[in-house]
Amino acid sequence: MRTIIFDCVTVHAKMLESLALIKTLAGQNPQLVSLIEKNRIRILWLAGVTHVIEVLVLIRLISNLIMKAGSMLTRHRGKPAFAPLLDISG
């Protein structure tokens, strides 16, 4: 009989410890959700900034290619389009 009572007391004590742990974890849950939401917003901002930089780099590359092509056309007016490729004089 004492063993059964001791086991019941032990189980009850473990249940109370578990309840305290569950309450602690439940209290931390909103804090974790808040941190996750803040990190999600930071990642979205970083992704947006990265895309803006990508677009600016592409615009710069395309404008450089257009400028280079335009300068090649004005330098070789009157010659065939393939003349710069055939010119071996340097």
PDB file of N, CA and C in Angstrom:
ATOM      1  N   MET A   1       0.813  -1.194   0.000  1.00  0.00           N
ATOM      2  CA  MET A   1       0.000   0.000   0.000  1.00  0.00           C
ATOM      3  C   MET A   1       0.863   1.269   0.000  1.00  0.00           C
ATOM      4  N   ARG A   2       1.962   1.252   0.782  1.00  0.00           N
ATOM      5  CA  ARG A   2       2.847   2.415   0.819  1.00  0.00           C
ATOM      6  C   ARG A   2       3.485   2.643  -0.547  1.00  0.00           C
ATOM      7  N   THR A   3       3.813   1.590  -1.246  1.00  0.00           N
ATOM      8  CA  THR A   3       4.424   1.699  -2.557  1.00  0.00           C
ATOM      9  C   THR A   3       3.474   2.375  -3.528  1.00  0.00           C
ATOM     10  N   ILE A   4       2.199   2.016  -3.467  1.00  0.00           N
ATOM     11  CA  ILE A   4       1.212   2.616  -4.359  1.00  0.00           C
ATOM     12  C   ILE A   4       1.069   4.113  -4.047  1.00  0.00           C
ATOM     13  N   ILE A   5       1.005   4.454  -2.771  1.00  0.00           N
ATOM     14  CA  ILE A   5       0.898   5.865  -2.377  1.00  0.00           C
ATOM     15  C   ILE A   5       2.150   6.627  -2.796  1.00  0.00           C
ATOM     16  N   PHE A   6       3.324   6.037  -2.595  1.00  0.00           N
ATOM     17  CA  PHE A   6       4.579   6.676  -2.997  1.00  0.00           C
ATOM     18  C   PHE A   6       4.608   6.877  -4.510  1.00  0.00           C
ATOM     19  N   ASP A   7       4.179   5.874  -5.254  1.00  0.00           N
ATOM     20  CA  ASP A   7       4.134   5.994  -6.713  1.00  0.00           C
ATOM     21  C   ASP A   7       3.171   7.095  -7.142  1.00  0.00           C
ATOM     22  N   CYS A   8       2.034   7.184  -6.484  1.00  0.00           N
ATOM     23  CA  CYS A   8       1.058   8.232  -6.815  1.00  0.00           C
ATOM     24  C   CYS A   8       1.630   9.621  -6.532  1.00  0.00           C
ATOM     25  N   VAL A   9       2.312   9.763  -5.411  1.00  0.00           N
ATOM     26  CA  VAL A   9       2.924  11.052  -5.060  1.00  0.00           C
ATOM     27  C   VAL A   9       4.016  11.399  -6.070  1.00  0.00           C
ATOM     28  N   THR A  10       4.806  10.411  -6.440  1.00  0.00           N
ATOM     29  CA  THR A  10       5.868  10.633  -7.419  1.00  0.00           C
ATOM     30  C   THR A  10       5.296  11.052  -8.766  1.00  0.00           C
ATOM     31  N   VAL A  11       4.256  10.343  -9.202  1.00  0.00           N
ATOM     32  CA  VAL A  11       3.620  10.676 -10.479  1.00  0.00           C
ATOM     33  C   VAL A  11       3.009  12.076 -10.407  1.00  0.00           C
ATOM     34  N   HIS A  12       2.386  12.409  -9.285  1.00  0.00           N
ATOM     35  CA  HIS A  12       1.783  13.732  -9.133  1.00  0.00           C
ATOM     36  C   HIS A  12       2.857  14.838  -9.183  1.00  0.00           C
ATOM     37  N   ALA A  13       3.984  14.597  -8.542  1.00  0.00           N
ATOM     38  CA  ALA A  13       5.082  15.571  -8.559  1.00  0.00           C
ATOM     39  C   ALA A  13       5.607  15.746  -9.979  1.00  0.00           C
ATOM     40  N   LYS A  14       5.752  14.652 -10.714  1.00  0.00           N
ATOM     41  CA  LYS A  14       6.224  14.738 -12.110  1.00  0.00           C
ATOM     42  C   LYS A  14       5.208  15.472 -12.974  1.00  0.00           C
ATOM     43  N   MET A  15       3.913  15.260 -12.706  1.00  0.00           N
ATOM     44  CA  MET A  15       2.881  15.973 -13.459  1.00  0.00           C
ATOM     45  C   MET A  15       2.970  17.473 -13.200  1.00  0.00           C
ATOM     46  N   LEU A  16       3.214  17.853 -11.951  1.00  0.00           N
ATOM     47  CA  LEU A  16       3.338  19.276 -11.629  1.00  0.00           C
ATOM     48  C   LEU A  16       4.565  19.890 -12.295  1.00  0.00           C
ATOM     49  N   GLU A  17       5.683  19.142 -12.332  1.00  0.00           N
ATOM     50  CA  GLU A  17       6.885  19.625 -13.033  1.00  0.00           C
ATOM     51  C   GLU A  17       6.606  19.796 -14.522  1.00  0.00           C
ATOM     52  N   SER A  18       5.901  18.823 -15.085  1.00  0.00           N
ATOM     53  CA  SER A  18       5.565  18.898 -16.510  1.00  0.00           C
ATOM     54  C   SER A  18       4.654  20.086 -16.786  1.00  0.00           C
ATOM     55  N   LEU A  19       3.704  20.321 -15.900  1.00  0.00           N
ATOM     56  CA  LEU A  19       2.800  21.453 -16.064  1.00  0.00           C
ATOM     57  C   LEU A  19       3.567  22.770 -16.009  1.00  0.00           C
ATOM     58  N   ALA A  20       4.515  22.880 -15.100  1.00  0.00           N
ATOM     59  CA  ALA A  20       5.321  24.103 -15.003  1.00  0.00           C
ATOM     60  C   ALA A  20       6.142  24.296 -16.279  1.00  0.00           C
ATOM     61  N   LEU A  21       6.703  23.210 -16.796  1.00  0.00           N
ATOM     62  CA  LEU A  21       7.483  23.297 -18.033  1.00  0.00           C
ATOM     63  C   LEU A  21       6.600  23.718 -19.203  1.00  0.00           C
ATOM     64  N   ILE A  22       5.410  23.143 -19.287  1.00  0.00           N
ATOM     65  CA  ILE A  22       4.485  23.499 -20.369  1.00  0.00           C
ATOM     66  C   ILE A  22       4.099  24.976 -20.280  1.00  0.00           C
ATOM     67  N   LYS A  23       3.849  25.474 -19.064  1.00  0.00           N
ATOM     68  CA  LYS A  23       3.514  26.891 -18.900  1.00  0.00           C
ATOM     69  C   LYS A  23       4.682  27.782 -19.323  1.00  0.00           C
ATOM     70  N   THR A  24       5.896  27.386 -18.972  1.00  0.00           N
ATOM     71  CA  THR A  24       7.079  28.162 -19.358  1.00  0.00           C
ATOM     72  C   THR A  24       7.232  28.195 -20.876  1.00  0.00           C
ATOM     73  N   LEU A  25       7.077  27.034 -21.498  1.00  0.00           N
ATOM     74  CA  LEU A  25       7.202  26.971 -22.958  1.00  0.00           C
ATOM     75  C   LEU A  25       6.088  27.750 -23.647  1.00  0.00           C
ATOM     76  N   ALA A  26       4.890  27.679 -23.101  1.00  0.00           N
ATOM     77  CA  ALA A  26       3.777  28.435 -23.678  1.00  0.00           C
ATOM     78  C   ALA A  26       4.032  29.938 -23.560  1.00  0.00           C
ATOM     79  N   GLY A  27       4.678  30.357 -22.477  1.00  0.00           N
ATOM     80  CA  GLY A  27       5.009  31.775 -22.323  1.00  0.00           C
ATOM     81  C   GLY A  27       6.078  32.227 -23.302  1.00  0.00           C
ATOM     82  N   GLN A  28       6.980  31.323 -23.668  1.00  0.00           N
ATOM     83  CA  GLN A  28       8.052  31.674 -24.608  1.00  0.00           C
ATOM     84  C   GLN A  28       7.572  31.635 -26.055  1.00  0.00           C
ATOM     85  N   ASN A  29       6.494  30.936 -26.334  1.00  0.00           N
ATOM     86  CA  ASN A  29       6.022  30.774 -27.709  1.00  0.00           C
ATOM     87  C   ASN A  29       5.742  32.109 -28.408  1.00  0.00           C
ATOM     88  N   PRO A  30       5.016  33.044 -27.792  1.00  0.00           N
ATOM     89  CA  PRO A  30       4.793  34.321 -28.480  1.00  0.00           C
ATOM     90  C   PRO A  30       6.093  35.078 -28.769  1.00  0.00           C
ATOM     91  N   GLN A  31       7.069  34.974 -27.881  1.00  0.00           N
ATOM     92  CA  GLN A  31       8.355  35.630 -28.118  1.00  0.00           C
ATOM     93  C   GLN A  31       9.043  35.021 -29.330  1.00  0.00           C
ATOM     94  N   LEU A  32       8.998  33.691 -29.435  1.00  0.00           N
ATOM     95  CA  LEU A  32       9.626  33.030 -30.580  1.00  0.00           C
ATOM     96  C   LEU A  32       8.919  33.387 -31.878  1.00  0.00           C
ATOM     97  N   VAL A  33       7.599  33.421 -31.837  1.00  0.00           N
ATOM     98  CA  VAL A  33       6.838  33.788 -33.037  1.00  0.00           C
ATOM     99  C   VAL A  33       7.182  35.213 -33.455  1.00  0.00           C
ATOM    100  N   SER A  34       7.331  36.104 -32.492  1.00  0.00           N
ATOM    101  CA  SER A  34       7.692  37.491 -32.792  1.00  0.00           C
ATOM    102  C   SER A  34       9.075  37.573 -33.444  1.00  0.00           C
ATOM    103  N   LEU A  35      10.036  36.826 -32.899  1.00  0.00           N
ATOM    104  CA  LEU A  35      11.379  36.828 -33.491  1.00  0.00           C
ATOM    105  C   LEU A  35      11.376  36.256 -34.902  1.00  0.00           C
ATOM    106  N   ILE A  36      10.616  35.197 -35.109  1.00  0.00           N
ATOM    107  CA  ILE A  36      10.533  34.595 -36.445  1.00  0.00           C
ATOM    108  C   ILE A  36       9.930  35.595 -37.431  1.00  0.00           C
ATOM    109  N   GLU A  37       8.907  36.315 -37.008  1.00  0.00           N
ATOM    110  CA  GLU A  37       8.277  37.304 -37.884  1.00  0.00           C
ATOM    111  C   GLU A  37       9.251  38.432 -38.222  1.00  0.00           C
ATOM    112  N   LYS A  38      10.018  38.894 -37.235  1.00  0.00           N
ATOM    113  CA  LYS A  38      11.019  39.943 -37.497  1.00  0.00           C
ATOM    114  C   LYS A  38      12.068  39.452 -38.496  1.00  0.00           C
ATOM    115  N   ASN A  39      12.523  38.209 -38.331  1.00  0.00           N
ATOM    116  CA  ASN A  39      13.512  37.657 -39.266  1.00  0.00           C
ATOM    117  C   ASN A  39      12.933  37.504 -40.662  1.00  0.00           C
ATOM    118  N   ARG A  40      11.654  37.138 -40.752  1.00  0.00           N
ATOM    119  CA  ARG A  40      11.013  36.999 -42.062  1.00  0.00           C
ATOM    120  C   ARG A  40      10.980  38.340 -42.780  1.00  0.00           C
ATOM    121  N   ILE A  41      10.654  39.399 -42.039  1.00  0.00           N
ATOM    122  CA  ILE A  41      10.606  40.739 -42.641  1.00  0.00           C
ATOM    123  C   ILE A  41      12.002  41.184 -43.069  1.00  0.00           C
ATOM    124  N   ARG A  42      13.022  40.900 -42.258  1.00  0.00           N
ATOM    125  CA  ARG A  42      14.410  41.239 -42.638  1.00  0.00           C
ATOM    126  C   ARG A  42      14.813  40.525 -43.919  1.00  0.00           C
ATOM    127  N   ILE A  43      14.459  39.262 -44.027  1.00  0.00           N
ATOM    128  CA  ILE A  43      14.817  38.496 -45.223  1.00  0.00           C
ATOM    129  C   ILE A  43      14.119  39.064 -46.450  1.00  0.00           C
ATOM    130  N   LEU A  44      12.861  39.458 -46.302  1.00  0.00           N
ATOM    131  CA  LEU A  44      12.153  40.062 -47.435  1.00  0.00           C
ATOM    132  C   LEU A  44      12.809  41.369 -47.860  1.00  0.00           C
ATOM    133  N   TRP A  45      13.225  42.193 -46.906  1.00  0.00           N
ATOM    134  CA  TRP A  45      13.924  43.442 -47.237  1.00  0.00           C
ATOM    135  C   TRP A  45      15.240  43.160 -47.950  1.00  0.00           C
ATOM    136  N   LEU A  46      16.003  42.188 -47.439  1.00  0.00           N
ATOM    137  CA  LEU A  46      17.278  41.853 -48.078  1.00  0.00           C
ATOM    138  C   LEU A  46      17.063  41.331 -49.492  1.00  0.00           C
ATOM    139  N   ALA A  47      16.034  40.536 -49.678  1.00  0.00           N
ATOM    140  CA  ALA A  47      15.733  40.032 -51.022  1.00  0.00           C
ATOM    141  C   ALA A  47      15.371  41.182 -51.951  1.00  0.00           C
ATOM    142  N   GLY A  48      14.589  42.128 -51.459  1.00  0.00           N
ATOM    143  CA  GLY A  48      14.209  43.282 -52.276  1.00  0.00           C
ATOM    144  C   GLY A  48      15.410  44.132 -52.657  1.00  0.00           C
ATOM    145  N   VAL A  49      16.289  44.393 -51.691  1.00  0.00           N
ATOM    146  CA  VAL A  49      17.495  45.178 -51.971  1.00  0.00           C
ATOM    147  C   VAL A  49      18.383  44.448 -52.975  1.00  0.00           C
ATOM    148  N   THR A  50      18.491  43.130 -52.809  1.00  0.00           N
ATOM    149  CA  THR A  50      19.303  42.339 -53.740  1.00  0.00           C
ATOM    150  C   THR A  50      18.750  42.422 -55.154  1.00  0.00           C
ATOM    151  N   HIS A  51      17.431  42.371 -55.291  1.00  0.00           N
ATOM    152  CA  HIS A  51      16.840  42.464 -56.634  1.00  0.00           C
ATOM    153  C   HIS A  51      17.053  43.847 -57.246  1.00  0.00           C
ATOM    154  N   VAL A  52      16.973  44.879 -56.435  1.00  0.00           N
ATOM    155  CA  VAL A  52      17.219  46.235 -56.948  1.00  0.00           C
ATOM    156  C   VAL A  52      18.657  46.351 -57.443  1.00  0.00           C
ATOM    157  N   ILE A  53      19.599  45.812 -56.676  1.00  0.00           N
ATOM    158  CA  ILE A  53      21.007  45.852 -57.089  1.00  0.00           C
ATOM    159  C   ILE A  53      21.199  45.054 -58.376  1.00  0.00           C
ATOM    160  N   GLU A  54      20.531  43.906 -58.478  1.00  0.00           N
ATOM    161  CA  GLU A  54      20.614  43.105 -59.713  1.00  0.00           C
ATOM    162  C   GLU A  54      20.158  43.918 -60.917  1.00  0.00           C
ATOM    163  N   VAL A  55      19.025  44.587 -60.778  1.00  0.00           N
ATOM    164  CA  VAL A  55      18.490  45.371 -61.890  1.00  0.00           C
ATOM    165  C   VAL A  55      19.449  46.497 -62.247  1.00  0.00           C
ATOM    166  N   LEU A  56      20.006  47.179 -61.255  1.00  0.00           N
ATOM    167  CA  LEU A  56      20.948  48.267 -61.537  1.00  0.00           C
ATOM    168  C   LEU A  56      22.203  47.761 -62.254  1.00  0.00           C
ATOM    169  N   VAL A  57      22.706  46.605 -61.833  1.00  0.00           N
ATOM    170  CA  VAL A  57      23.888  46.029 -62.485  1.00  0.00           C
ATOM    171  C   VAL A  57      23.561  45.653 -63.921  1.00  0.00           C
ATOM    172  N   LEU A  58      22.398  45.041 -64.140  1.00  0.00           N
ATOM    173  CA  LEU A  58      22.011  44.680 -65.508  1.00  0.00           C
ATOM    174  C   LEU A  58      21.853  45.916 -66.389  1.00  0.00           C
ATOM    175  N   ILE A  59      21.253  46.974 -65.847  1.00  0.00           N
ATOM    176  CA  ILE A  59      21.108  48.210 -66.618  1.00  0.00           C
ATOM    177  C   ILE A  59      22.481  48.763 -66.974  1.00  0.00           C
ATOM    178  N   ARG A  60      23.404  48.734 -66.017  1.00  0.00           N
ATOM    179  CA  ARG A  60      24.758  49.236 -66.280  1.00  0.00           C
ATOM    180  C   ARG A  60      25.460  48.407 -67.358  1.00  0.00           C
ATOM    181  N   LEU A  61      25.340  47.083 -67.260  1.00  0.00           N
ATOM    182  CA  LEU A  61      25.969  46.219 -68.261  1.00  0.00           C
ATOM    183  C   LEU A  61      25.381  46.450 -69.645  1.00  0.00           C
ATOM    184  N   ILE A  62      24.067  46.534 -69.711  1.00  0.00           N
ATOM    185  CA  ILE A  62      23.421  46.741 -71.010  1.00  0.00           C
ATOM    186  C   ILE A  62      23.799  48.099 -71.581  1.00  0.00           C
ATOM    187  N   SER A  63      23.826  49.138 -70.741  1.00  0.00           N
ATOM    188  CA  SER A  63      24.195  50.467 -71.252  1.00  0.00           C
ATOM    189  C   SER A  63      25.645  50.473 -71.723  1.00  0.00           C
ATOM    190  N   ASN A  64      26.535  49.771 -71.017  1.00  0.00           N
ATOM    191  CA  ASN A  64      27.925  49.687 -71.469  1.00  0.00           C
ATOM    192  C   ASN A  64      28.024  48.972 -72.809  1.00  0.00           C
ATOM    193  N   LEU A  65      27.265  47.895 -72.973  1.00  0.00           N
ATOM    194  CA  LEU A  65      27.278  47.182 -74.258  1.00  0.00           C
ATOM    195  C   LEU A  65      26.746  48.059 -75.382  1.00  0.00           C
ATOM    196  N   ILE A  66      25.687  48.809 -75.103  1.00  0.00           N
ATOM    197  CA  ILE A  66      25.122  49.691 -76.128  1.00  0.00           C
ATOM    198  C   ILE A  66      26.120  50.791 -76.476  1.00  0.00           C
ATOM    199  N   MET A  67      26.774  51.369 -75.463  1.00  0.00           N
ATOM    200  CA  MET A  67      27.762  52.423 -75.723  1.00  0.00           C
ATOM    201  C   MET A  67      28.929  51.874 -76.543  1.00  0.00           C
ATOM    202  N   LYS A  68      29.374  50.666 -76.193  1.00  0.00           N
ATOM    203  CA  LYS A  68      30.495  50.078 -76.919  1.00  0.00           C
ATOM    204  C   LYS A  68      30.103  49.781 -78.362  1.00  0.00           C
ATOM    205  N   ALA A  69      28.900  49.250 -78.554  1.00  0.00           N
ATOM    206  CA  ALA A  69      28.438  48.964 -79.916  1.00  0.00           C
ATOM    207  C   ALA A  69      28.279  50.258 -80.707  1.00  0.00           C
ATOM    208  N   GLY A  70      27.778  51.297 -80.059  1.00  0.00           N
ATOM    209  CA  GLY A  70      27.622  52.581 -80.751  1.00  0.00           C
ATOM    210  C   GLY A  70      28.952  53.172 -81.143  1.00  0.00           C
ATOM    211  N   SER A  71      29.956  53.050 -80.271  1.00  0.00           N
ATOM    212  CA  SER A  71      31.261  53.612 -80.612  1.00  0.00           C
ATOM    213  C   SER A  71      31.916  52.808 -81.729  1.00  0.00           C
ATOM    214  N   MET A  72      31.683  51.513 -81.785  1.00  0.00           N
ATOM    215  CA  MET A  72      32.233  50.701 -82.865  1.00  0.00           C
ATOM    216  C   MET A  72      31.587  51.071 -84.190  1.00  0.00           C
ATOM    217  N   LEU A  73      30.289  51.368 -84.158  1.00  0.00           N
ATOM    218  CA  LEU A  73      29.594  51.736 -85.398  1.00  0.00           C
ATOM    219  C   LEU A  73      30.069  53.082 -85.906  1.00  0.00           C
ATOM    220  N   THR A  74      30.256  54.052 -85.029  1.00  0.00           N
ATOM    221  CA  THR A  74      30.680  55.383 -85.492  1.00  0.00           C
ATOM    222  C   THR A  74      32.137  55.372 -85.931  1.00  0.00           C
ATOM    223  N   ARG A  75      32.962  54.518 -85.358  1.00  0.00           N
ATOM    224  CA  ARG A  75      34.367  54.448 -85.727  1.00  0.00           C
ATOM    225  C   ARG A  75      34.558  53.815 -87.112  1.00  0.00           C
ATOM    226  N   HIS A  76      33.672  52.922 -87.477  1.00  0.00           N
ATOM    227  CA  HIS A  76      33.857  52.163 -88.710  1.00  0.00           C
ATOM    228  C   HIS A  76      32.770  52.463 -89.737  1.00  0.00           C
ATOM    229  N   ARG A  77      32.303  53.684 -89.792  1.00  0.00           N
ATOM    230  CA  ARG A  77      31.293  54.045 -90.794  1.00  0.00           C
ATOM    231  C   ARG A  77      31.909  53.933 -92.193  1.00  0.00           C
ATOM    232  N   GLY A  78      31.120  53.450 -93.077  1.00  0.00           N
ATOM    233  CA  GLY A  78      31.581  53.317 -94.446  1.00  0.00           C
ATOM    234  C   GLY A  78      32.266  51.991 -94.707  1.00  0.00           C
ATOM    235  N   LYS A  79      32.594  51.261 -93.689  1.00  0.00           N
ATOM    236  CA  LYS A  79      33.198  49.942 -93.858  1.00  0.00           C
ATOM    237  C   LYS A  79      32.135  48.887 -93.591  1.00  0.00           C
ATOM    238  N   PRO A  80      32.309  47.694 -94.071  1.00  0.00           N
ATOM    239  CA  PRO A  80      31.346  46.632 -93.762  1.00  0.00           C
ATOM    240  C   PRO A  80      31.323  46.352 -92.259  1.00  0.00           C
ATOM    241  N   ALA A  81      30.232  45.773 -91.807  1.00  0.00           N
ATOM    242  CA  ALA A  81      30.060  45.515 -90.379  1.00  0.00           C
ATOM    243  C   ALA A  81      31.115  44.563 -89.841  1.00  0.00           C
ATOM    244  N   PHE A  82      31.663  43.712 -90.697  1.00  0.00           N
ATOM    245  CA  PHE A  82      32.664  42.742 -90.239  1.00  0.00           C
ATOM    246  C   PHE A  82      34.086  43.280 -90.382  1.00  0.00           C
ATOM    247  N   ALA A  83      34.241  44.523 -90.824  1.00  0.00           N
ATOM    248  CA  ALA A  83      35.565  45.098 -91.040  1.00  0.00           C
ATOM    249  C   ALA A  83      36.436  45.089 -89.787  1.00  0.00           C
ATOM    250  N   PRO A  84      35.902  45.415 -88.596  1.00  0.00           N
ATOM    251  CA  PRO A  84      36.780  45.389 -87.417  1.00  0.00           C
ATOM    252  C   PRO A  84      37.340  43.995 -87.138  1.00  0.00           C
ATOM    253  N   LEU A  85      36.612  42.983 -87.536  1.00  0.00           N
ATOM    254  CA  LEU A  85      37.088  41.624 -87.298  1.00  0.00           C
ATOM    255  C   LEU A  85      38.201  41.263 -88.273  1.00  0.00           C
ATOM    256  N   LEU A  86      38.169  41.842 -89.465  1.00  0.00           N
ATOM    257  CA  LEU A  86      39.146  41.501 -90.493  1.00  0.00           C
ATOM    258  C   LEU A  86      40.381  42.386 -90.453  1.00  0.00           C
ATOM    259  N   ASP A  87      40.304  43.491 -89.715  1.00  0.00           N
ATOM    260  CA  ASP A  87      41.407  44.441 -89.669  1.00  0.00           C
ATOM    261  C   ASP A  87      42.562  43.851 -88.848  1.00  0.00           C
ATOM    262  N   ILE A  88      43.647  43.514 -89.492  1.00  0.00           N
ATOM    263  CA  ILE A  88      44.791  42.922 -88.786  1.00  0.00           C
ATOM    264  C   ILE A  88      45.899  43.939 -88.588  1.00  0.00           C
ATOM    265  N   SER A  89      45.664  45.169 -88.999  1.00  0.00           N
ATOM    266  CA  SER A  89      46.726  46.168 -88.875  1.00  0.00           C
ATOM    267  C   SER A  89      46.902  46.634 -87.433  1.00  0.00           C
ATOM    268  N   GLY A  90      45.886  46.392 -86.591  1.00  0.00           N
ATOM    269  CA  GLY A  90      46.046  46.753 -85.178  1.00  0.00           C
ATOM    270  C   GLY A  90      45.334  47.980 -84.876  1.00  0.00           C
TER     271      GLY A  90
END
